[in-house]
């Protein structure tokens, strides 16, 4: 009887200890990743070559010589860049919402088709609005 009680106590002690022990490999892996990152960042400049020239210390602008101001002048960027970026984000969000429908289209039935049709129609109306306003013209 005494040995069975001690076995129960041992099992209770093991279950109490293993509460956070499950996360030990994750914590060790995270620590190893941080150590490797610090090791790489700190030792790279010490052992790497340090041959600086004008091209290495200048700003990188896709192979074009850096200019102090944009081509349009006055320090302003053309609005077409921002419109293009917003349209890209808009279409990305549309695809994110359409993907779950594509995965489970057979389960949703006619109501799913109606909901997705309204969703696509809303985006289609917005696309026509942007197109008519000249948002897609690259001048």
N, C-alpha and C. Protein backbone atom coordinates (compact mmCIF):
# COMPACT_ATOMS: atom_id res chain seq x y z
N UNK A 1 0.83 -1.19 0.00
CA UNK A 1 0.00 0.00 0.00
C UNK A 1 0.87 1.25 0.00
N UNK A 2 1.94 1.20 0.71
CA UNK A 2 2.84 2.34 0.80
C UNK A 2 3.48 2.63 -0.55
N UNK A 3 3.81 1.58 -1.33
CA UNK A 3 4.43 1.79 -2.64
C UNK A 3 3.44 2.39 -3.63
N UNK A 4 2.14 2.03 -3.52
CA UNK A 4 1.15 2.61 -4.43
C UNK A 4 0.92 4.09 -4.13
N UNK A 5 0.97 4.46 -2.87
CA UNK A 5 0.82 5.87 -2.51
C UNK A 5 2.01 6.67 -3.02
N UNK A 6 3.17 6.12 -2.90
CA UNK A 6 4.34 6.85 -3.38
C UNK A 6 4.32 6.97 -4.89
N UNK A 7 3.78 5.99 -5.60
CA UNK A 7 3.68 6.07 -7.05
C UNK A 7 2.69 7.17 -7.45
N UNK A 8 1.58 7.28 -6.72
CA UNK A 8 0.61 8.34 -6.99
C UNK A 8 1.23 9.70 -6.71
N UNK A 9 1.96 9.79 -5.61
CA UNK A 9 2.62 11.05 -5.30
C UNK A 9 3.64 11.42 -6.36
N UNK A 10 4.36 10.42 -6.87
CA UNK A 10 5.36 10.66 -7.91
C UNK A 10 4.68 11.15 -9.19
N UNK A 11 3.56 10.50 -9.57
CA UNK A 11 2.83 10.93 -10.76
C UNK A 11 2.27 12.35 -10.59
N UNK A 12 1.76 12.66 -9.40
CA UNK A 12 1.25 14.00 -9.14
C UNK A 12 2.38 15.02 -9.23
N UNK A 13 3.54 14.67 -8.69
CA UNK A 13 4.68 15.58 -8.74
C UNK A 13 5.14 15.79 -10.18
N UNK A 14 5.17 14.70 -11.00
CA UNK A 14 5.59 14.81 -12.39
C UNK A 14 4.62 15.67 -13.19
N UNK A 15 3.31 15.51 -12.95
CA UNK A 15 2.34 16.32 -13.70
C UNK A 15 2.41 17.78 -13.29
N UNK A 16 2.73 18.06 -12.03
CA UNK A 16 2.87 19.44 -11.59
C UNK A 16 4.13 20.07 -12.18
N UNK A 17 5.20 19.31 -12.29
CA UNK A 17 6.45 19.83 -12.84
C UNK A 17 6.37 20.03 -14.35
N UNK A 18 5.59 19.22 -15.04
CA UNK A 18 5.58 19.29 -16.50
C UNK A 18 4.69 20.40 -17.04
N UNK A 19 4.11 21.23 -16.21
CA UNK A 19 3.26 22.31 -16.68
C UNK A 19 3.99 23.27 -17.59
N UNK A 20 5.12 23.78 -17.15
CA UNK A 20 5.91 24.69 -17.97
C UNK A 20 7.03 23.98 -18.70
N UNK A 21 7.30 22.74 -18.34
CA UNK A 21 8.36 21.98 -18.99
C UNK A 21 8.05 21.70 -20.46
N UNK A 22 6.79 21.77 -20.83
CA UNK A 22 6.41 21.56 -22.22
C UNK A 22 6.98 22.66 -23.11
N UNK A 23 7.12 23.85 -22.57
CA UNK A 23 7.60 24.99 -23.35
C UNK A 23 9.12 25.12 -23.35
N UNK A 24 9.81 24.25 -22.64
CA UNK A 24 11.27 24.35 -22.56
C UNK A 24 11.94 24.26 -23.94
N UNK A 25 11.57 23.33 -24.83
CA UNK A 25 12.22 23.32 -26.15
C UNK A 25 11.97 24.60 -26.94
N UNK A 26 10.78 25.16 -26.82
CA UNK A 26 10.47 26.40 -27.52
C UNK A 26 11.31 27.56 -26.99
N UNK A 27 11.45 27.64 -25.69
CA UNK A 27 12.26 28.69 -25.08
C UNK A 27 13.72 28.53 -25.47
N UNK A 28 14.21 27.28 -25.48
CA UNK A 28 15.60 27.04 -25.88
C UNK A 28 15.83 27.39 -27.34
N UNK A 29 14.88 27.07 -28.21
CA UNK A 29 15.01 27.41 -29.62
C UNK A 29 14.99 28.92 -29.83
N UNK A 30 14.12 29.61 -29.11
CA UNK A 30 14.08 31.07 -29.19
C UNK A 30 15.40 31.67 -28.71
N UNK A 31 15.92 31.15 -27.61
CA UNK A 31 17.20 31.64 -27.10
C UNK A 31 18.33 31.38 -28.08
N UNK A 32 18.32 30.21 -28.73
CA UNK A 32 19.34 29.91 -29.73
C UNK A 32 19.24 30.85 -30.92
N UNK A 33 18.03 31.18 -31.35
CA UNK A 33 17.83 32.11 -32.47
C UNK A 33 18.34 33.51 -32.12
N UNK A 34 18.05 33.97 -30.91
CA UNK A 34 18.52 35.29 -30.48
C UNK A 34 20.04 35.31 -30.38
N UNK A 35 20.61 34.24 -29.84
CA UNK A 35 22.07 34.17 -29.72
C UNK A 35 22.73 34.16 -31.10
N UNK A 36 22.17 33.42 -32.04
CA UNK A 36 22.74 33.38 -33.39
C UNK A 36 22.63 34.75 -34.06
N UNK A 37 21.49 35.43 -33.88
CA UNK A 37 21.32 36.75 -34.48
C UNK A 37 22.34 37.74 -33.90
N UNK A 38 22.48 37.75 -32.60
CA UNK A 38 23.46 38.65 -31.98
C UNK A 38 24.88 38.30 -32.40
N UNK A 39 25.18 37.02 -32.46
CA UNK A 39 26.51 36.56 -32.88
C UNK A 39 26.80 37.05 -34.30
N UNK A 40 25.83 36.91 -35.19
CA UNK A 40 26.04 37.31 -36.59
C UNK A 40 26.19 38.82 -36.73
N UNK A 41 25.37 39.55 -36.01
CA UNK A 41 25.41 41.02 -36.12
C UNK A 41 26.69 41.58 -35.51
N UNK A 42 27.13 41.03 -34.40
CA UNK A 42 28.30 41.58 -33.72
C UNK A 42 29.62 41.15 -34.35
N UNK A 43 29.69 39.93 -34.86
CA UNK A 43 30.95 39.47 -35.41
C UNK A 43 31.13 39.79 -36.89
N UNK A 44 30.07 40.11 -37.59
CA UNK A 44 30.19 40.45 -39.01
C UNK A 44 31.09 41.63 -39.26
N UNK A 45 30.87 42.76 -38.60
CA UNK A 45 31.75 43.91 -38.84
C UNK A 45 33.19 43.68 -38.36
N UNK A 46 33.37 42.82 -37.37
CA UNK A 46 34.74 42.59 -36.87
C UNK A 46 35.58 41.80 -37.86
N UNK A 47 35.00 40.79 -38.49
CA UNK A 47 35.78 39.92 -39.37
C UNK A 47 35.55 40.18 -40.85
N UNK A 48 34.53 40.94 -41.19
CA UNK A 48 34.23 41.22 -42.59
C UNK A 48 35.16 42.27 -43.16
N UNK A 49 35.23 42.33 -44.49
CA UNK A 49 36.08 43.36 -45.12
C UNK A 49 35.46 44.74 -44.95
N UNK A 50 36.32 45.72 -44.80
CA UNK A 50 35.84 47.10 -44.64
C UNK A 50 36.49 47.98 -45.69
N UNK A 51 36.12 47.74 -46.93
CA UNK A 51 36.62 48.55 -48.05
C UNK A 51 35.50 49.46 -48.51
N UNK A 52 35.45 50.65 -47.95
CA UNK A 52 34.39 51.58 -48.28
C UNK A 52 34.79 52.42 -49.48
N UNK A 53 33.80 52.71 -50.32
CA UNK A 53 34.01 53.63 -51.43
C UNK A 53 32.74 54.46 -51.59
N UNK A 54 32.75 55.34 -52.59
CA UNK A 54 31.63 56.26 -52.75
C UNK A 54 30.33 55.53 -53.05
N UNK A 55 30.39 54.46 -53.82
CA UNK A 55 29.18 53.73 -54.19
C UNK A 55 28.57 53.00 -52.99
N UNK A 56 29.42 52.51 -52.08
CA UNK A 56 28.90 51.75 -50.94
C UNK A 56 28.24 52.65 -49.89
N UNK A 57 28.70 53.86 -49.73
CA UNK A 57 28.15 54.72 -48.70
C UNK A 57 27.02 55.61 -49.23
N UNK A 58 26.76 55.60 -50.55
CA UNK A 58 25.69 56.44 -51.08
C UNK A 58 24.36 55.69 -50.98
N UNK A 59 23.27 56.45 -51.09
CA UNK A 59 21.94 55.86 -51.02
C UNK A 59 21.67 55.02 -52.25
N UNK A 60 20.95 53.91 -52.07
CA UNK A 60 20.63 53.02 -53.18
C UNK A 60 19.23 53.33 -53.69
N UNK A 61 19.14 53.65 -54.98
CA UNK A 61 17.84 53.93 -55.58
C UNK A 61 17.70 53.15 -56.88
N UNK A 62 17.77 51.85 -56.80
CA UNK A 62 17.53 50.95 -57.94
C UNK A 62 18.44 51.24 -59.12
N UNK A 63 19.68 51.55 -58.89
CA UNK A 63 20.62 51.77 -59.97
C UNK A 63 20.58 53.17 -60.56
N UNK A 64 19.66 54.00 -60.14
CA UNK A 64 19.57 55.36 -60.65
C UNK A 64 20.34 56.26 -59.70
N UNK A 65 21.01 57.23 -60.25
CA UNK A 65 21.73 58.17 -59.41
C UNK A 65 20.75 58.89 -58.49
N UNK A 66 21.03 58.97 -57.20
CA UNK A 66 20.10 59.65 -56.29
C UNK A 66 19.96 61.12 -56.63
N UNK A 67 18.74 61.60 -56.57
CA UNK A 67 18.49 63.00 -56.84
C UNK A 67 17.96 63.65 -55.57
N UNK A 68 18.23 64.92 -55.37
CA UNK A 68 17.78 65.56 -54.13
C UNK A 68 16.26 65.70 -54.07
N UNK A 69 15.58 65.81 -55.22
CA UNK A 69 14.13 65.98 -55.22
C UNK A 69 13.53 65.07 -56.29
N UNK A 70 12.26 64.69 -56.12
CA UNK A 70 11.61 63.90 -57.17
C UNK A 70 11.51 64.67 -58.48
N UNK A 71 11.23 63.95 -59.54
CA UNK A 71 11.17 64.57 -60.87
C UNK A 71 10.08 65.62 -60.98
N UNK A 72 9.02 65.48 -60.22
CA UNK A 72 7.92 66.45 -60.31
C UNK A 72 8.26 67.76 -59.64
N UNK A 73 9.30 67.80 -58.82
CA UNK A 73 9.72 69.04 -58.18
C UNK A 73 8.92 69.37 -56.94
N UNK A 74 9.45 70.26 -56.15
CA UNK A 74 8.75 70.72 -54.97
C UNK A 74 8.74 69.73 -53.82
N UNK A 75 9.44 68.60 -53.92
CA UNK A 75 9.49 67.64 -52.83
C UNK A 75 8.24 66.79 -52.70
N UNK A 76 7.35 66.78 -53.69
CA UNK A 76 6.13 66.00 -53.61
C UNK A 76 6.23 64.77 -54.50
N UNK A 77 5.69 63.67 -53.99
CA UNK A 77 5.64 62.45 -54.78
C UNK A 77 4.33 62.44 -55.56
N UNK A 78 4.33 61.87 -56.76
CA UNK A 78 3.09 61.78 -57.52
C UNK A 78 2.06 60.92 -56.79
N UNK A 79 0.82 61.35 -56.83
CA UNK A 79 -0.25 60.65 -56.14
C UNK A 79 -0.52 59.29 -56.77
N UNK A 80 -0.11 59.09 -58.01
CA UNK A 80 -0.34 57.82 -58.69
C UNK A 80 0.33 56.66 -57.96
N UNK A 81 1.45 56.90 -57.29
CA UNK A 81 2.11 55.84 -56.53
C UNK A 81 1.22 55.38 -55.39
N UNK A 82 0.63 56.32 -54.70
CA UNK A 82 -0.21 55.97 -53.56
C UNK A 82 -1.52 55.33 -54.00
N UNK A 83 -2.09 55.80 -55.09
CA UNK A 83 -3.32 55.19 -55.60
C UNK A 83 -3.06 53.75 -56.03
N UNK A 84 -1.94 53.53 -56.70
CA UNK A 84 -1.59 52.17 -57.12
C UNK A 84 -1.39 51.28 -55.91
N UNK A 85 -0.73 51.77 -54.89
CA UNK A 85 -0.53 50.98 -53.69
C UNK A 85 -1.84 50.65 -53.00
N UNK A 86 -2.74 51.62 -52.92
CA UNK A 86 -4.03 51.37 -52.29
C UNK A 86 -4.88 50.39 -53.09
N UNK A 87 -4.83 50.48 -54.42
CA UNK A 87 -5.57 49.52 -55.24
C UNK A 87 -5.00 48.11 -55.08
N UNK A 88 -3.68 48.01 -54.97
CA UNK A 88 -3.07 46.70 -54.75
C UNK A 88 -3.53 46.11 -53.42
N UNK A 89 -3.54 46.93 -52.37
CA UNK A 89 -4.01 46.45 -51.07
C UNK A 89 -5.49 46.07 -51.14
N UNK A 90 -6.27 46.84 -51.86
CA UNK A 90 -7.69 46.54 -52.01
C UNK A 90 -7.91 45.19 -52.67
N UNK A 91 -7.17 44.90 -53.74
CA UNK A 91 -7.32 43.62 -54.41
C UNK A 91 -6.76 42.48 -53.57
N UNK A 92 -5.72 42.74 -52.81
CA UNK A 92 -5.22 41.71 -51.89
C UNK A 92 -6.28 41.35 -50.86
N UNK A 93 -6.92 42.34 -50.29
CA UNK A 93 -7.96 42.07 -49.29
C UNK A 93 -9.12 41.33 -49.92
N UNK A 94 -9.44 41.68 -51.16
CA UNK A 94 -10.51 40.96 -51.86
C UNK A 94 -10.16 39.49 -52.00
N UNK A 95 -8.94 39.18 -52.35
CA UNK A 95 -8.54 37.78 -52.50
C UNK A 95 -8.52 37.06 -51.16
N UNK A 96 -8.15 37.76 -50.10
CA UNK A 96 -8.15 37.14 -48.78
C UNK A 96 -9.56 36.75 -48.37
N UNK A 97 -10.55 37.56 -48.72
CA UNK A 97 -11.92 37.24 -48.37
C UNK A 97 -12.55 36.23 -49.33
N UNK A 98 -12.07 36.16 -50.56
CA UNK A 98 -12.64 35.20 -51.51
C UNK A 98 -12.05 33.80 -51.35
N UNK A 99 -10.87 33.68 -50.81
CA UNK A 99 -10.24 32.37 -50.69
C UNK A 99 -11.03 31.40 -49.81
N UNK A 100 -11.52 31.81 -48.63
CA UNK A 100 -12.32 30.86 -47.84
C UNK A 100 -13.59 30.42 -48.56
N UNK A 101 -14.18 31.30 -49.36
CA UNK A 101 -15.35 30.89 -50.12
C UNK A 101 -14.97 29.83 -51.15
N UNK A 102 -13.83 30.02 -51.81
CA UNK A 102 -13.41 29.05 -52.82
C UNK A 102 -13.14 27.69 -52.20
N UNK A 103 -12.67 27.68 -50.97
CA UNK A 103 -12.38 26.41 -50.30
C UNK A 103 -13.66 25.69 -49.92
N UNK A 104 -14.67 26.42 -49.46
CA UNK A 104 -15.89 25.78 -48.96
C UNK A 104 -17.11 26.18 -49.77
N UNK A 105 -16.98 26.33 -51.07
CA UNK A 105 -18.11 26.77 -51.90
C UNK A 105 -19.23 25.75 -51.91
N UNK A 106 -18.90 24.46 -51.91
CA UNK A 106 -19.95 23.45 -51.97
C UNK A 106 -20.76 23.37 -50.68
N UNK A 107 -20.18 23.75 -49.56
CA UNK A 107 -20.90 23.71 -48.29
C UNK A 107 -21.84 24.90 -48.11
N UNK A 108 -21.52 26.03 -48.74
CA UNK A 108 -22.31 27.24 -48.53
C UNK A 108 -23.57 27.29 -49.36
N UNK A 109 -23.58 26.61 -50.49
CA UNK A 109 -24.78 26.53 -51.30
C UNK A 109 -25.16 27.85 -51.95
N UNK A 110 -26.46 28.04 -52.16
CA UNK A 110 -26.98 29.21 -52.87
C UNK A 110 -26.77 30.50 -52.09
N UNK A 111 -26.86 30.44 -50.75
CA UNK A 111 -26.63 31.64 -49.95
C UNK A 111 -25.18 32.11 -50.06
N UNK A 112 -24.27 31.18 -50.15
CA UNK A 112 -22.86 31.54 -50.33
C UNK A 112 -22.62 32.21 -51.67
N UNK A 113 -23.26 31.68 -52.72
CA UNK A 113 -23.13 32.29 -54.04
C UNK A 113 -23.69 33.70 -54.04
N UNK A 114 -24.83 33.90 -53.38
CA UNK A 114 -25.44 35.23 -53.32
C UNK A 114 -24.54 36.20 -52.55
N UNK A 115 -24.00 35.76 -51.43
CA UNK A 115 -23.14 36.64 -50.63
C UNK A 115 -21.88 37.03 -51.38
N UNK A 116 -21.25 36.06 -52.05
CA UNK A 116 -20.03 36.35 -52.79
C UNK A 116 -20.36 37.21 -54.01
N UNK A 117 -21.52 37.02 -54.62
CA UNK A 117 -21.91 37.87 -55.75
C UNK A 117 -22.07 39.32 -55.33
N UNK A 118 -22.69 39.55 -54.18
CA UNK A 118 -22.83 40.92 -53.67
C UNK A 118 -21.45 41.50 -53.35
N UNK A 119 -20.59 40.69 -52.76
CA UNK A 119 -19.23 41.14 -52.43
C UNK A 119 -18.46 41.53 -53.69
N UNK A 120 -18.50 40.68 -54.71
CA UNK A 120 -17.78 40.97 -55.96
C UNK A 120 -18.40 42.16 -56.67
N UNK A 121 -19.72 42.28 -56.63
CA UNK A 121 -20.38 43.43 -57.27
C UNK A 121 -19.96 44.73 -56.61
N UNK A 122 -19.83 44.71 -55.30
CA UNK A 122 -19.38 45.91 -54.59
C UNK A 122 -17.99 46.33 -55.05
N UNK A 123 -17.09 45.37 -55.16
CA UNK A 123 -15.75 45.68 -55.63
C UNK A 123 -15.76 46.09 -57.10
N UNK A 124 -16.63 45.49 -57.90
CA UNK A 124 -16.72 45.85 -59.31
C UNK A 124 -17.19 47.29 -59.46
N UNK A 125 -18.15 47.71 -58.67
CA UNK A 125 -18.62 49.10 -58.71
C UNK A 125 -17.49 50.05 -58.30
N UNK A 126 -16.72 49.67 -57.28
CA UNK A 126 -15.58 50.50 -56.86
C UNK A 126 -14.52 50.56 -57.96
N UNK A 127 -14.29 49.45 -58.65
CA UNK A 127 -13.31 49.44 -59.75
C UNK A 127 -13.75 50.35 -60.89
N UNK A 128 -15.03 50.31 -61.24
CA UNK A 128 -15.54 51.18 -62.29
C UNK A 128 -15.41 52.64 -61.89
N UNK A 129 -15.67 52.94 -60.62
CA UNK A 129 -15.55 54.31 -60.12
C UNK A 129 -14.10 54.80 -60.26
N UNK A 130 -13.15 53.97 -59.85
CA UNK A 130 -11.73 54.36 -59.93
C UNK A 130 -11.32 54.51 -61.39
N UNK A 131 -11.78 53.63 -62.25
CA UNK A 131 -11.44 53.67 -63.66
C UNK A 131 -11.99 54.94 -64.31
N UNK A 132 -13.25 55.29 -64.01
CA UNK A 132 -13.87 56.49 -64.60
C UNK A 132 -13.23 57.77 -64.09
N UNK A 133 -12.78 57.77 -62.83
CA UNK A 133 -12.14 58.95 -62.27
C UNK A 133 -10.70 59.11 -62.74
N UNK A 134 -10.17 58.12 -63.46
CA UNK A 134 -8.81 58.21 -63.99
C UNK A 134 -7.76 57.71 -63.03
N UNK A 135 -8.15 56.92 -62.05
CA UNK A 135 -7.18 56.42 -61.08
C UNK A 135 -6.22 55.40 -61.66
N UNK A 136 -6.58 54.79 -62.78
CA UNK A 136 -5.71 53.80 -63.39
C UNK A 136 -4.86 54.38 -64.51
N UNK A 137 -5.05 55.66 -64.85
CA UNK A 137 -4.24 56.32 -65.87
C UNK A 137 -2.90 56.71 -65.28
N UNK A 138 -1.84 56.30 -65.93
CA UNK A 138 -0.49 56.59 -65.45
C UNK A 138 0.08 57.70 -66.30
N UNK A 139 -0.07 58.94 -65.85
CA UNK A 139 0.41 60.09 -66.62
C UNK A 139 1.77 60.52 -66.17
